[in-house]
Amino acid sequence: MRRFFLPGELRETVTLTGADAHHLGFTLRARAGDRVVVVDTARQVAAMEVVAFTADSVTLRLMERLDADTEPPVALTLAMCLPKGDKMELIVQKAVELGAAAVQPLMSQNCVVRYDEKKAADRRAKWQRVADEAAKQCGRTALTAVAPVRPLTEWLREAMAPGTAGRVFMAYEDETEQPLKDWLRRESTGPVTAVIGPEGGFAPAEVEQARALGVATLSLGPRILRAETAALAVLAVLQYELGDLGGRREREGMT
């Protein structure tokens, strides 16, 4: 069944408006009696039946509540330096499928792509649409937030400010002493943020700043991975080691 996300709370009767209503009523040509899956902001899931249409809305009636939470037990953030071309769309889509809670686009020294304020906002809106559609397609029970594009150095200072929670690491091709596997097995609790560089890698000054702030620099192995490969490989490894990619884990709330 097609999946839709509500901006509010699940009720006995709900109304879809805007793009979702148009998609259901005009693109999918839904009819009264058709069923869809609806997810609210509290990750409650239900099968609902189409009962009425207007020109710009679709009314749904709750048929069955579903126990179908698909979120991983660990909150993962992908902090991705902007790659060339349209690669970010693919990265965002696959990050959502792999369970990322958030994607943070970053502008680093070696990024080829450069956006002005308007272009950055337009790109972010497009990436968010890609993320939302991926969440519906793969059966997520929460939407992945795509944050505004930020300069890497500025974002690092905020991410590592005193009082912030979670573990942050940078995948660095010149790191030889600290593999990702070993770090994960030492650092076993809390949200995780993975920082991935652009095609040209991180500048030495960026690595020095990250280390000075307490960011772990980790090796992904002896081969140089493309930016998009590194991002998706890291998320897959994190989900296997800490999440549910290797099989469902008992849920005690997101950590």
Protein backbone atom coordinates (compact mmCIF):
# COMPACT_ATOMS: atom_id res chain seq x y z
CA MET A 1 0.00 0.00 0.00
CA ARG A 2 1.10 3.56 -0.71
CA ARG A 3 2.54 5.38 2.34
CA PHE A 4 1.84 8.95 3.44
CA PHE A 5 3.21 11.00 6.36
CA LEU A 6 0.88 13.18 8.44
CA PRO A 7 2.12 16.51 9.84
CA GLY A 8 0.15 15.86 13.02
CA GLU A 9 -1.47 13.11 15.07
CA LEU A 10 -3.21 10.01 13.77
CA ARG A 11 -6.99 10.17 14.27
CA GLU A 12 -10.05 8.17 13.28
CA THR A 13 -10.48 10.50 10.28
CA VAL A 14 -7.69 12.51 8.69
CA THR A 15 -7.45 14.75 5.65
CA LEU A 16 -4.54 14.88 3.22
CA THR A 17 -3.95 18.18 1.43
CA GLY A 18 -1.36 19.71 -0.87
CA ALA A 19 1.02 17.53 -2.85
CA ASP A 20 -0.03 14.30 -1.08
CA ALA A 21 -3.70 14.85 -1.90
CA HIS A 22 -2.87 15.67 -5.51
CA HIS A 23 -0.66 12.63 -5.83
CA LEU A 24 -3.23 10.28 -4.34
CA GLY A 25 -6.26 11.73 -6.10
CA PHE A 26 -4.86 12.64 -9.52
CA THR A 27 -1.58 10.79 -10.09
CA LEU A 28 -2.56 7.49 -8.48
CA ARG A 29 -6.25 7.97 -9.38
CA ALA A 30 -7.39 6.57 -6.04
CA ARG A 31 -11.04 5.75 -5.54
CA ALA A 32 -13.27 5.48 -2.49
CA GLY A 33 -12.49 2.21 -0.74
CA ASP A 34 -8.80 2.18 -1.69
CA ARG A 35 -6.41 1.71 1.22
CA VAL A 36 -3.16 3.49 2.08
CA VAL A 37 -0.71 3.43 4.98
CA VAL A 38 -0.44 6.58 7.08
CA VAL A 39 2.32 7.48 9.56
CA ASP A 40 2.07 10.36 12.02
CA THR A 41 4.75 12.42 13.75
CA ALA A 42 4.77 10.03 16.73
CA ARG A 43 5.57 7.10 14.37
CA GLN A 44 2.10 5.64 14.78
CA VAL A 45 1.16 3.63 11.69
CA ALA A 46 -2.28 2.72 10.38
CA ALA A 47 -4.05 1.32 7.35
CA MET A 48 -6.66 3.86 6.23
CA GLU A 49 -9.40 3.84 3.65
CA VAL A 50 -10.18 6.61 1.18
CA VAL A 51 -13.71 7.89 1.88
CA ALA A 52 -14.03 11.29 0.16
CA PHE A 53 -12.40 13.75 -2.23
CA THR A 54 -12.51 17.46 -2.90
CA ALA A 55 -10.56 19.39 -5.53
CA ASP A 56 -7.60 19.73 -3.17
CA SER A 57 -8.06 17.19 -0.38
CA VAL A 58 -8.57 13.49 0.34
CA THR A 59 -10.33 12.24 3.47
CA LEU A 60 -9.22 8.94 5.01
CA ARG A 61 -10.83 6.73 7.67
CA LEU A 62 -8.80 4.59 10.04
CA MET A 63 -9.25 0.87 9.45
CA GLU A 64 -6.44 -0.79 11.42
CA ARG A 65 -3.53 0.34 13.57
CA LEU A 66 -0.29 -1.38 12.61
CA ASP A 67 2.71 -2.34 14.73
CA ALA A 68 5.25 -1.42 12.09
CA ASP A 69 7.99 0.83 13.49
CA THR A 70 10.95 0.55 11.10
CA GLU A 71 13.35 3.06 12.65
CA PRO A 72 16.80 1.81 13.72
CA PRO A 73 17.70 1.78 17.42
CA VAL A 74 20.54 4.28 16.93
CA ALA A 75 20.07 7.74 15.41
CA LEU A 76 22.50 8.15 12.49
CA THR A 77 23.40 11.43 10.80
CA LEU A 78 25.28 11.64 7.52
CA ALA A 79 27.29 14.87 7.31
CA MET A 80 28.18 14.92 3.61
CA CYS A 81 30.50 17.35 1.87
CA LEU A 82 28.93 18.31 -1.44
CA PRO A 83 29.92 15.98 -4.30
CA LYS A 84 29.99 16.88 -7.98
CA GLY A 85 26.97 16.74 -10.28
CA ASP A 86 23.76 15.14 -9.08
CA LYS A 87 25.42 12.57 -6.81
CA MET A 88 23.89 14.14 -3.71
CA GLU A 89 20.42 13.04 -4.83
CA LEU A 90 21.54 9.42 -4.94
CA ILE A 91 23.34 9.74 -1.61
CA VAL A 92 20.26 11.24 0.08
CA GLN A 93 17.96 8.58 -1.36
CA LYS A 94 20.16 5.69 -0.25
CA ALA A 95 20.88 7.28 3.14
CA VAL A 96 17.14 7.29 3.82
CA GLU A 97 16.85 3.64 2.77
CA LEU A 98 19.72 2.81 5.14
CA GLY A 99 17.93 4.46 8.05
CA ALA A 100 19.68 7.83 8.43
CA ALA A 101 17.76 10.15 10.73
CA ALA A 102 19.29 13.26 9.17
CA VAL A 103 21.51 14.41 6.32
CA GLN A 104 23.72 17.48 6.82
CA PRO A 105 25.13 18.87 3.53
CA LEU A 106 28.51 20.54 4.04
CA MET A 107 30.72 22.88 2.02
CA SER A 108 34.40 22.04 2.50
CA GLN A 109 37.58 23.46 0.99
CA ASN A 110 37.89 20.86 -1.78
CA CYS A 111 34.25 20.87 -2.86
CA VAL A 112 34.00 21.61 -6.58
CA VAL A 113 30.33 22.56 -6.23
CA ARG A 114 29.67 26.10 -5.00
CA TYR A 115 26.16 27.40 -4.32
CA ASP A 116 24.94 30.89 -3.62
CA GLU A 117 22.24 31.27 -0.97
CA LYS A 118 19.32 30.85 -3.37
CA LYS A 119 20.82 27.86 -5.16
CA ALA A 120 21.63 26.19 -1.83
CA ALA A 121 18.03 26.65 -0.66
CA ASP A 122 16.67 25.28 -3.95
CA ARG A 123 18.96 22.26 -3.77
CA ARG A 124 18.03 21.57 -0.18
CA ALA A 125 14.32 21.64 -1.08
CA LYS A 126 14.97 19.18 -3.91
CA TRP A 127 16.99 16.85 -1.65
CA GLN A 128 14.21 16.96 0.94
CA ARG A 129 11.69 15.89 -1.71
CA VAL A 130 13.99 13.03 -2.67
CA ALA A 131 14.29 12.05 1.01
CA ASP A 132 10.53 12.17 1.60
CA GLU A 133 9.80 10.03 -1.45
CA ALA A 134 12.47 7.52 -0.42
CA ALA A 135 10.96 7.30 3.07
CA LYS A 136 7.57 6.45 1.59
CA GLN A 137 9.02 3.91 -0.83
CA CYS A 138 11.13 2.00 1.69
CA GLY A 139 8.59 1.93 4.51
CA ARG A 140 10.18 4.32 7.00
CA THR A 141 8.16 5.43 10.01
CA ALA A 142 9.96 8.79 10.29
CA LEU A 143 11.07 11.29 7.68
CA THR A 144 14.77 12.04 7.24
CA ALA A 145 15.52 15.74 7.67
CA VAL A 146 17.88 17.36 5.16
CA ALA A 147 19.50 20.36 6.84
CA PRO A 148 20.61 23.59 5.15
CA VAL A 149 24.07 23.58 3.53
CA ARG A 150 26.70 24.68 6.06
CA PRO A 151 30.44 25.43 5.89
CA LEU A 152 32.32 22.43 7.31
CA THR A 153 34.48 24.40 9.74
CA GLU A 154 31.51 26.32 11.15
CA TRP A 155 29.40 23.19 11.49
CA LEU A 156 32.20 21.28 13.23
CA ARG A 157 32.49 23.94 15.92
CA GLU A 158 28.77 23.72 16.63
CA ALA A 159 28.60 19.92 16.44
CA MET A 160 31.42 19.58 18.97
CA ALA A 161 30.39 22.39 21.30
CA PRO A 162 30.27 21.54 25.03
CA GLY A 163 26.97 19.92 25.97
CA THR A 164 26.25 18.40 22.57
CA ALA A 165 25.46 14.69 22.60
CA GLY A 166 26.63 11.86 20.40
CA ARG A 167 29.69 10.51 18.65
CA VAL A 168 31.19 12.21 15.61
CA PHE A 169 33.82 10.75 13.31
CA MET A 170 35.46 11.75 10.05
CA ALA A 171 36.30 9.14 7.41
CA TYR A 172 39.88 10.09 6.45
CA GLU A 173 41.93 8.36 3.77
CA ASP A 174 45.28 9.16 5.42
CA GLU A 175 44.32 7.69 8.79
CA THR A 176 46.38 4.56 9.47
CA GLU A 177 46.04 3.91 13.20
CA GLN A 178 42.32 3.89 13.96
CA PRO A 179 39.97 1.65 11.92
CA LEU A 180 36.24 2.26 11.94
CA LYS A 181 35.60 -1.23 13.33
CA ASP A 182 37.76 -0.72 16.41
CA TRP A 183 36.28 2.69 17.15
CA LEU A 184 32.73 1.39 16.92
CA ARG A 185 33.44 -1.40 19.36
CA ARG A 186 34.89 1.06 21.90
CA GLU A 187 32.26 3.76 21.44
CA SER A 188 29.09 1.81 22.05
CA THR A 189 26.36 4.26 23.02
CA GLY A 190 24.64 7.38 21.73
CA PRO A 191 23.78 8.89 18.34
CA VAL A 192 26.45 8.73 15.63
CA THR A 193 27.40 11.32 13.01
CA ALA A 194 29.62 10.32 10.08
CA VAL A 195 31.48 13.11 8.25
CA ILE A 196 32.34 12.23 4.64
CA GLY A 197 34.55 14.36 2.40
CA PRO A 198 34.14 15.42 -1.24
CA GLU A 199 35.95 13.92 -4.23
CA GLY A 200 39.14 15.81 -3.37
CA GLY A 201 39.14 14.68 0.25
CA PHE A 202 39.58 16.87 3.32
CA ALA A 203 42.17 19.62 3.45
CA PRO A 204 44.87 19.10 6.15
CA ALA A 205 43.61 22.16 8.06
CA GLU A 206 40.10 20.70 8.19
CA VAL A 207 41.42 17.44 9.61
CA GLU A 208 43.51 19.28 12.19
CA GLN A 209 40.50 21.33 13.27
CA ALA A 210 38.33 18.22 13.55
CA ARG A 211 40.89 16.41 15.68
CA ALA A 212 41.40 19.46 17.90
CA LEU A 213 37.66 19.59 18.53
CA GLY A 214 37.53 15.92 19.48
CA VAL A 215 36.30 14.39 16.21
CA ALA A 216 37.71 10.90 15.64
CA THR A 217 39.46 10.43 12.27
CA LEU A 218 38.91 6.86 11.09
CA SER A 219 40.14 4.58 8.33
CA LEU A 220 37.73 2.79 6.00
CA GLY A 221 40.44 0.44 4.76
CA PRO A 222 43.36 0.45 2.32
CA ARG A 223 41.43 1.51 -0.79
CA ILE A 224 40.37 5.05 -1.74
CA LEU A 225 36.59 5.15 -2.02
CA ARG A 226 34.60 7.59 -4.08
CA ALA A 227 32.63 10.08 -1.99
CA GLU A 228 29.29 8.42 -2.69
CA THR A 229 30.73 4.94 -2.05
CA ALA A 230 32.22 6.01 1.27
CA ALA A 231 28.95 7.56 2.44
CA LEU A 232 26.84 4.50 1.73
CA ALA A 233 29.45 2.00 2.91
CA VAL A 234 29.75 3.82 6.23
CA LEU A 235 26.00 3.90 6.78
CA ALA A 236 25.71 0.21 5.96
CA VAL A 237 28.49 -0.67 8.41
CA LEU A 238 26.95 1.50 11.14
CA GLN A 239 23.57 -0.10 10.64
CA TYR A 240 25.09 -3.56 10.79
CA GLU A 241 27.15 -2.89 13.90
CA LEU A 242 24.78 -0.62 15.83
CA GLY A 243 21.41 -0.81 14.12
CA ASP A 244 19.17 -3.43 12.58
CA LEU A 245 20.70 -4.25 9.20
CA GLY A 246 21.97 -7.58 10.53
CA GLY A 247 18.58 -8.41 12.07
CA ARG A 248 16.07 -6.66 14.29
CA ARG A 249 17.21 -5.60 17.75
CA GLU A 250 15.15 -5.06 20.86
CA ARG A 251 13.97 -1.46 21.02
CA GLU A 252 14.40 0.58 24.17
CA GLY A 253 13.95 3.90 22.37
CA MET A 254 16.32 5.67 20.01
CA THR A 255 19.79 6.19 21.52
